[in-house]
Amino acid sequence: MKQPRIVTCPTCKAPVEWCSQSPCRPFCSERCKLIDLGAWAAEEHAIPGDSLEDDLFSGELPPREH
């Protein structure tokens, strides 16, 4: 019988079985899933882009206010 794959929860680093019994995979729980979603919403995570493209189009957008 094949052993289930074990991955690490991106939020708390707990081991998670990659199977249908782990509905929040790759997260260990709904809580860790929501923590990660909040980090994306707060722009703590980002997918790297092309810096040249960012420079070319950044003048077309109004400045961001925080």
Protein backbone atom coordinates (compact mmCIF):
# COMPACT_ATOMS: atom_id res chain seq x y z
CA MET A 1 0.00 0.00 0.00
CA LYS A 2 1.25 3.46 -0.89
CA GLN A 3 2.10 5.82 1.97
CA PRO A 4 0.25 9.17 1.93
CA ARG A 5 2.36 12.15 1.04
CA ILE A 6 3.21 14.41 3.98
CA VAL A 7 3.60 18.16 3.37
CA THR A 8 4.38 21.00 5.75
CA CYS A 9 1.70 23.55 6.60
CA PRO A 10 2.92 26.87 5.12
CA THR A 11 1.68 28.79 8.16
CA CYS A 12 2.62 26.77 11.25
CA LYS A 13 4.93 24.13 9.72
CA ALA A 14 2.86 21.20 11.11
CA PRO A 15 2.89 17.97 9.06
CA VAL A 16 -0.22 17.53 6.87
CA GLU A 17 -1.29 14.36 5.06
CA TRP A 18 -2.02 15.15 1.39
CA CYS A 19 -5.28 13.22 1.01
CA SER A 20 -9.03 13.78 0.75
CA GLN A 21 -9.35 13.55 4.56
CA SER A 22 -7.36 16.82 4.80
CA PRO A 23 -9.76 19.32 3.20
CA CYS A 24 -7.60 22.38 4.05
CA ARG A 25 -4.44 20.99 2.47
CA PRO A 26 -1.75 22.21 2.21
CA PHE A 27 -2.79 23.89 5.47
CA CYS A 28 -3.36 21.89 8.65
CA SER A 29 -6.55 23.76 9.58
CA GLU A 30 -9.05 26.41 8.51
CA ARG A 31 -7.33 28.79 10.94
CA CYS A 32 -3.94 28.48 9.19
CA LYS A 33 -5.68 28.86 5.83
CA LEU A 34 -7.31 32.13 6.95
CA ILE A 35 -4.05 33.44 8.45
CA ASP A 36 -2.38 32.92 5.06
CA LEU A 37 -5.30 34.58 3.22
CA GLY A 38 -5.01 37.58 5.56
CA ALA A 39 -1.29 37.86 4.82
CA TRP A 40 -2.01 37.98 1.07
CA ALA A 41 -4.75 40.59 1.64
CA ALA A 42 -2.36 42.70 3.74
CA GLU A 43 0.21 42.41 0.93
CA GLU A 44 2.69 40.61 3.19
CA HIS A 45 3.04 38.01 0.41
CA ALA A 46 3.58 38.88 -3.24
CA ILE A 47 4.37 37.10 -6.47
CA PRO A 48 7.49 38.65 -8.00
CA GLY A 49 6.85 40.49 -11.23
CA ASP A 50 8.93 41.95 -14.00
CA SER A 51 10.53 45.12 -12.59
CA LEU A 52 10.89 46.65 -16.06
CA GLU A 53 7.18 46.15 -16.71
CA ASP A 54 6.36 47.62 -13.29
CA ASP A 55 8.46 50.71 -14.11
CA LEU A 56 6.81 51.15 -17.52
CA PHE A 57 3.24 51.06 -16.23
CA SER A 58 3.62 52.56 -12.77
CA GLY A 59 3.18 56.13 -14.10
CA GLU A 60 -0.27 55.27 -15.42
CA LEU A 61 -1.69 54.60 -11.97
CA PRO A 62 -2.49 57.16 -9.29
CA PRO A 63 -0.18 57.03 -6.25
CA ARG A 64 -1.27 54.64 -3.50
CA GLU A 65 -2.29 56.14 -0.20
CA HIS A 66 -1.87 54.07 2.95
